Amino acid sequence: MLKLSHFLICYLIFLLFGALIFYELNVVEEKKRHIYVNNQIKQFINRNNKCLKEHDLYFYVDYFLDKSHTGLWYSSSSKANITKWTFGQGLFFVTSLITTVEKTKTF
């Protein structure tokens, strides 16, 4: 019984660290994409500020990013970038990875 409880505790710690790693890796990549897209939007607005309002541009950017399923979300009212990647998704991913990948047997 003691071995089983140690195994379960170690397994849970392993899952939590794995989820944390996947979460951190994805958040860094999303932040890079947010910075890039924000810079492109600012450059576009500076070049075309006479024919396009900033609010309209953010509407179209939000629409196309939503349709392309990139995981990014932009708001015209606030420049805050909200990530769609959560720790729970990381935990789900690492759990499904562990339960589906098994050691191959050679004969």
N, C-alpha and C. Protein backbone atom coordinates (compact mmCIF):
# COMPACT_ATOMS: atom_id res chain seq x y z
N MET A 1 0.82 -1.19 0.00
CA MET A 1 0.00 0.00 0.00
C MET A 1 0.87 1.26 0.00
N LEU A 2 1.99 1.20 0.73
CA LEU A 2 2.88 2.35 0.80
C LEU A 2 3.53 2.61 -0.55
N LYS A 3 3.89 1.54 -1.27
CA LYS A 3 4.50 1.70 -2.59
C LYS A 3 3.52 2.33 -3.57
N LEU A 4 2.26 1.93 -3.48
CA LEU A 4 1.24 2.49 -4.37
C LEU A 4 1.04 3.98 -4.11
N SER A 5 1.01 4.37 -2.84
CA SER A 5 0.83 5.79 -2.53
C SER A 5 2.04 6.60 -2.98
N HIS A 6 3.24 6.07 -2.82
CA HIS A 6 4.44 6.77 -3.31
C HIS A 6 4.40 6.90 -4.83
N PHE A 7 3.98 5.83 -5.50
CA PHE A 7 3.88 5.88 -6.96
C PHE A 7 2.88 6.94 -7.40
N LEU A 8 1.72 6.98 -6.76
CA LEU A 8 0.70 7.96 -7.13
C LEU A 8 1.16 9.39 -6.87
N ILE A 9 1.86 9.61 -5.77
CA ILE A 9 2.38 10.95 -5.48
C ILE A 9 3.42 11.35 -6.51
N CYS A 10 4.34 10.45 -6.83
CA CYS A 10 5.36 10.74 -7.84
C CYS A 10 4.72 10.96 -9.21
N TYR A 11 3.73 10.18 -9.53
CA TYR A 11 3.03 10.32 -10.81
C TYR A 11 2.33 11.68 -10.90
N LEU A 12 1.69 12.08 -9.82
CA LEU A 12 1.01 13.38 -9.78
C LEU A 12 2.02 14.52 -9.91
N ILE A 13 3.14 14.44 -9.21
CA ILE A 13 4.19 15.47 -9.33
C ILE A 13 4.72 15.52 -10.74
N PHE A 14 4.93 14.37 -11.35
CA PHE A 14 5.41 14.30 -12.73
C PHE A 14 4.42 14.97 -13.68
N LEU A 15 3.13 14.70 -13.49
CA LEU A 15 2.10 15.32 -14.33
C LEU A 15 2.08 16.84 -14.16
N LEU A 16 2.18 17.30 -12.92
CA LEU A 16 2.15 18.74 -12.67
C LEU A 16 3.35 19.45 -13.29
N PHE A 17 4.53 18.87 -13.16
CA PHE A 17 5.72 19.48 -13.78
C PHE A 17 5.62 19.44 -15.30
N GLY A 18 5.12 18.36 -15.84
CA GLY A 18 4.94 18.28 -17.29
C GLY A 18 3.96 19.32 -17.79
N ALA A 19 2.85 19.49 -17.08
CA ALA A 19 1.86 20.51 -17.46
C ALA A 19 2.46 21.90 -17.37
N LEU A 20 3.24 22.15 -16.34
CA LEU A 20 3.88 23.46 -16.18
C LEU A 20 4.85 23.74 -17.32
N ILE A 21 5.60 22.75 -17.74
CA ILE A 21 6.55 22.91 -18.85
C ILE A 21 5.80 23.23 -20.14
N PHE A 22 4.76 22.46 -20.47
CA PHE A 22 4.01 22.72 -21.69
C PHE A 22 3.31 24.08 -21.65
N TYR A 23 2.82 24.45 -20.48
CA TYR A 23 2.19 25.75 -20.33
C TYR A 23 3.20 26.87 -20.60
N GLU A 24 4.36 26.79 -19.98
CA GLU A 24 5.38 27.83 -20.16
C GLU A 24 5.86 27.90 -21.60
N LEU A 25 6.06 26.77 -22.24
CA LEU A 25 6.51 26.77 -23.64
C LEU A 25 5.49 27.44 -24.55
N ASN A 26 4.24 27.17 -24.34
CA ASN A 26 3.20 27.74 -25.20
C ASN A 26 2.95 29.21 -24.92
N VAL A 27 3.04 29.62 -23.67
CA VAL A 27 2.83 31.03 -23.34
C VAL A 27 3.92 31.90 -23.95
N VAL A 28 5.16 31.44 -23.92
CA VAL A 28 6.26 32.20 -24.51
C VAL A 28 6.03 32.38 -26.01
N GLU A 29 5.62 31.34 -26.68
CA GLU A 29 5.38 31.42 -28.12
C GLU A 29 4.20 32.34 -28.43
N GLU A 30 3.16 32.28 -27.62
CA GLU A 30 2.02 33.17 -27.83
C GLU A 30 2.41 34.63 -27.62
N LYS A 31 3.24 34.89 -26.62
CA LYS A 31 3.68 36.27 -26.37
C LYS A 31 4.47 36.81 -27.56
N LYS A 32 5.31 35.97 -28.16
CA LYS A 32 6.06 36.38 -29.35
C LYS A 32 5.11 36.74 -30.49
N ARG A 33 4.08 35.92 -30.68
CA ARG A 33 3.10 36.20 -31.73
C ARG A 33 2.32 37.48 -31.44
N HIS A 34 1.98 37.71 -30.18
CA HIS A 34 1.27 38.94 -29.82
C HIS A 34 2.13 40.17 -30.13
N ILE A 35 3.39 40.13 -29.77
CA ILE A 35 4.28 41.26 -30.02
C ILE A 35 4.41 41.51 -31.52
N TYR A 36 4.59 40.45 -32.28
CA TYR A 36 4.74 40.60 -33.73
C TYR A 36 3.48 41.21 -34.36
N VAL A 37 2.32 40.68 -34.00
CA VAL A 37 1.07 41.17 -34.58
C VAL A 37 0.81 42.61 -34.14
N ASN A 38 1.07 42.93 -32.88
CA ASN A 38 0.88 44.31 -32.42
C ASN A 38 1.78 45.28 -33.16
N ASN A 39 3.03 44.89 -33.41
CA ASN A 39 3.94 45.75 -34.17
C ASN A 39 3.46 45.94 -35.60
N GLN A 40 2.96 44.88 -36.21
CA GLN A 40 2.45 44.99 -37.58
C GLN A 40 1.21 45.90 -37.63
N ILE A 41 0.36 45.79 -36.64
CA ILE A 41 -0.83 46.64 -36.58
C ILE A 41 -0.44 48.10 -36.43
N LYS A 42 0.50 48.38 -35.54
CA LYS A 42 0.94 49.77 -35.34
C LYS A 42 1.54 50.34 -36.61
N GLN A 43 2.36 49.56 -37.30
CA GLN A 43 2.95 50.03 -38.55
C GLN A 43 1.87 50.28 -39.60
N PHE A 44 0.91 49.41 -39.68
CA PHE A 44 -0.17 49.56 -40.65
C PHE A 44 -1.00 50.80 -40.36
N ILE A 45 -1.31 51.02 -39.10
CA ILE A 45 -2.10 52.20 -38.72
C ILE A 45 -1.32 53.48 -39.01
N ASN A 46 -0.02 53.48 -38.74
CA ASN A 46 0.79 54.67 -39.01
C ASN A 46 0.83 54.99 -40.50
N ARG A 47 0.86 53.97 -41.34
CA ARG A 47 0.91 54.20 -42.79
C ARG A 47 -0.45 54.56 -43.36
N ASN A 48 -1.51 54.04 -42.79
CA ASN A 48 -2.85 54.19 -43.38
C ASN A 48 -3.85 54.85 -42.44
N ASN A 49 -3.41 55.78 -41.64
CA ASN A 49 -4.32 56.34 -40.64
C ASN A 49 -5.40 57.24 -41.23
N LYS A 50 -5.27 57.63 -42.49
CA LYS A 50 -6.28 58.51 -43.09
C LYS A 50 -7.49 57.73 -43.61
N CYS A 51 -7.28 56.50 -44.01
CA CYS A 51 -8.38 55.76 -44.63
C CYS A 51 -8.95 54.66 -43.74
N LEU A 52 -8.34 54.38 -42.61
CA LEU A 52 -8.81 53.28 -41.77
C LEU A 52 -8.70 53.68 -40.30
N LYS A 53 -9.78 53.49 -39.58
CA LYS A 53 -9.77 53.79 -38.16
C LYS A 53 -9.19 52.60 -37.40
N GLU A 54 -8.55 52.90 -36.28
CA GLU A 54 -7.92 51.84 -35.48
C GLU A 54 -8.95 50.82 -35.00
N HIS A 55 -10.11 51.28 -34.60
CA HIS A 55 -11.15 50.37 -34.13
C HIS A 55 -11.57 49.38 -35.22
N ASP A 56 -11.71 49.87 -36.45
CA ASP A 56 -12.09 48.99 -37.56
C ASP A 56 -11.01 47.96 -37.85
N LEU A 57 -9.77 48.37 -37.76
CA LEU A 57 -8.67 47.44 -38.00
C LEU A 57 -8.66 46.32 -36.96
N TYR A 58 -8.84 46.68 -35.69
CA TYR A 58 -8.87 45.65 -34.65
C TYR A 58 -10.05 44.71 -34.83
N PHE A 59 -11.15 45.21 -35.33
CA PHE A 59 -12.29 44.35 -35.61
C PHE A 59 -11.91 43.29 -36.64
N TYR A 60 -11.27 43.70 -37.73
CA TYR A 60 -10.88 42.75 -38.77
C TYR A 60 -9.78 41.80 -38.31
N VAL A 61 -8.83 42.32 -37.56
CA VAL A 61 -7.76 41.45 -37.05
C VAL A 61 -8.35 40.39 -36.13
N ASP A 62 -9.23 40.80 -35.23
CA ASP A 62 -9.87 39.85 -34.32
C ASP A 62 -10.68 38.81 -35.09
N TYR A 63 -11.39 39.25 -36.10
CA TYR A 63 -12.20 38.34 -36.91
C TYR A 63 -11.33 37.30 -37.61
N PHE A 64 -10.27 37.74 -38.27
CA PHE A 64 -9.44 36.81 -39.03
C PHE A 64 -8.62 35.89 -38.13
N LEU A 65 -8.15 36.40 -37.01
CA LEU A 65 -7.42 35.53 -36.09
C LEU A 65 -8.34 34.49 -35.48
N ASP A 66 -9.56 34.88 -35.19
CA ASP A 66 -10.52 33.92 -34.66
C ASP A 66 -10.82 32.84 -35.68
N LYS A 67 -10.95 33.23 -36.93
CA LYS A 67 -11.26 32.26 -37.98
C LYS A 67 -10.07 31.36 -38.30
N SER A 68 -8.88 31.84 -38.05
CA SER A 68 -7.71 31.01 -38.38
C SER A 68 -7.29 30.12 -37.22
N HIS A 69 -7.97 30.22 -36.08
CA HIS A 69 -7.72 29.35 -34.91
C HIS A 69 -6.26 29.44 -34.45
N THR A 70 -5.73 30.64 -34.33
CA THR A 70 -4.34 30.79 -33.90
C THR A 70 -4.19 30.79 -32.40
N GLY A 71 -5.27 30.96 -31.67
CA GLY A 71 -5.17 31.04 -30.22
C GLY A 71 -4.91 32.44 -29.72
N LEU A 72 -4.95 33.42 -30.60
CA LEU A 72 -4.72 34.80 -30.20
C LEU A 72 -6.05 35.53 -30.08
N TRP A 73 -6.07 36.53 -29.20
CA TRP A 73 -7.25 37.35 -29.06
C TRP A 73 -6.80 38.78 -28.84
N TYR A 74 -7.36 39.70 -29.61
CA TYR A 74 -7.02 41.11 -29.50
C TYR A 74 -8.29 41.90 -29.27
N SER A 75 -8.18 42.90 -28.45
CA SER A 75 -9.33 43.74 -28.15
C SER A 75 -8.99 45.17 -28.54
N SER A 76 -9.92 45.84 -29.18
CA SER A 76 -9.68 47.23 -29.57
C SER A 76 -9.79 48.16 -28.37
N SER A 77 -10.53 47.76 -27.33
CA SER A 77 -10.70 48.63 -26.18
C SER A 77 -9.49 48.59 -25.25
N SER A 78 -8.80 47.46 -25.20
CA SER A 78 -7.60 47.37 -24.37
C SER A 78 -6.54 46.62 -25.14
N LYS A 79 -5.32 47.03 -24.96
CA LYS A 79 -4.22 46.40 -25.68
C LYS A 79 -3.72 45.14 -24.97
N ALA A 80 -4.43 44.70 -23.95
CA ALA A 80 -4.03 43.51 -23.21
C ALA A 80 -4.22 42.28 -24.09
N ASN A 81 -3.22 41.43 -24.09
CA ASN A 81 -3.28 40.19 -24.85
C ASN A 81 -3.67 39.07 -23.90
N ILE A 82 -4.67 38.33 -24.28
CA ILE A 82 -5.17 37.26 -23.44
C ILE A 82 -4.81 35.94 -24.10
N THR A 83 -4.16 35.07 -23.35
CA THR A 83 -3.76 33.78 -23.88
C THR A 83 -4.90 32.78 -23.73
N LYS A 84 -5.00 31.88 -24.66
CA LYS A 84 -6.01 30.83 -24.58
C LYS A 84 -5.42 29.53 -24.03
N TRP A 85 -4.12 29.53 -23.80
CA TRP A 85 -3.47 28.34 -23.27
C TRP A 85 -3.54 28.40 -21.75
N THR A 86 -4.05 27.33 -21.13
CA THR A 86 -4.19 27.31 -19.68
C THR A 86 -3.37 26.17 -19.09
N PHE A 87 -3.15 26.26 -17.80
CA PHE A 87 -2.45 25.19 -17.10
C PHE A 87 -3.25 23.89 -17.19
N GLY A 88 -4.55 23.98 -17.14
CA GLY A 88 -5.40 22.79 -17.26
C GLY A 88 -5.23 22.09 -18.60
N GLN A 89 -5.07 22.88 -19.67
CA GLN A 89 -4.81 22.28 -20.98
C GLN A 89 -3.46 21.58 -21.00
N GLY A 90 -2.47 22.19 -20.33
CA GLY A 90 -1.16 21.55 -20.24
C GLY A 90 -1.23 20.25 -19.47
N LEU A 91 -2.00 20.24 -18.39
CA LEU A 91 -2.17 19.02 -17.60
C LEU A 91 -2.88 17.95 -18.42
N PHE A 92 -3.90 18.32 -19.16
CA PHE A 92 -4.59 17.37 -20.02
C PHE A 92 -3.65 16.82 -21.08
N PHE A 93 -2.84 17.69 -21.69
CA PHE A 93 -1.94 17.26 -22.74
C PHE A 93 -0.90 16.27 -22.22
N VAL A 94 -0.27 16.60 -21.10
CA VAL A 94 0.76 15.70 -20.57
C VAL A 94 0.15 14.39 -20.09
N THR A 95 -1.07 14.42 -19.55
CA THR A 95 -1.73 13.18 -19.13
C THR A 95 -2.05 12.30 -20.33
N SER A 96 -2.56 12.90 -21.39
CA SER A 96 -2.86 12.10 -22.58
C SER A 96 -1.58 11.60 -23.24
N LEU A 97 -0.51 12.37 -23.16
CA LEU A 97 0.77 11.92 -23.70
C LEU A 97 1.28 10.71 -22.95
N ILE A 98 1.22 10.76 -21.64
CA ILE A 98 1.72 9.65 -20.82
C ILE A 98 0.87 8.40 -21.01
N THR A 99 -0.43 8.57 -21.10
CA THR A 99 -1.30 7.39 -21.19
C THR A 99 -1.35 6.77 -22.57
N THR A 100 -0.95 7.50 -23.61
CA THR A 100 -1.02 6.94 -24.96
C THR A 100 0.32 6.46 -25.49
N VAL A 101 1.41 6.98 -24.97
CA VAL A 101 2.73 6.56 -25.44
C VAL A 101 3.20 5.44 -24.53
N GLU A 102 3.47 4.32 -25.12
CA GLU A 102 3.93 3.18 -24.32
C GLU A 102 5.21 2.62 -24.92
N LYS A 103 5.89 1.88 -24.11
CA LYS A 103 7.14 1.27 -24.56
C LYS A 103 6.81 0.19 -25.60
N THR A 104 7.52 0.24 -26.72
CA THR A 104 7.29 -0.77 -27.75
C THR A 104 8.00 -2.06 -27.37
N LYS A 105 7.36 -3.15 -27.68
CA LYS A 105 7.93 -4.45 -27.37
C LYS A 105 8.56 -5.02 -28.63
N THR A 106 9.78 -5.48 -28.50
CA THR A 106 10.44 -6.13 -29.63
C THR A 106 10.49 -7.62 -29.37
N PHE A 107 10.27 -8.36 -30.40
CA PHE A 107 10.25 -9.82 -30.26
C PHE A 107 11.51 -10.42 -30.81
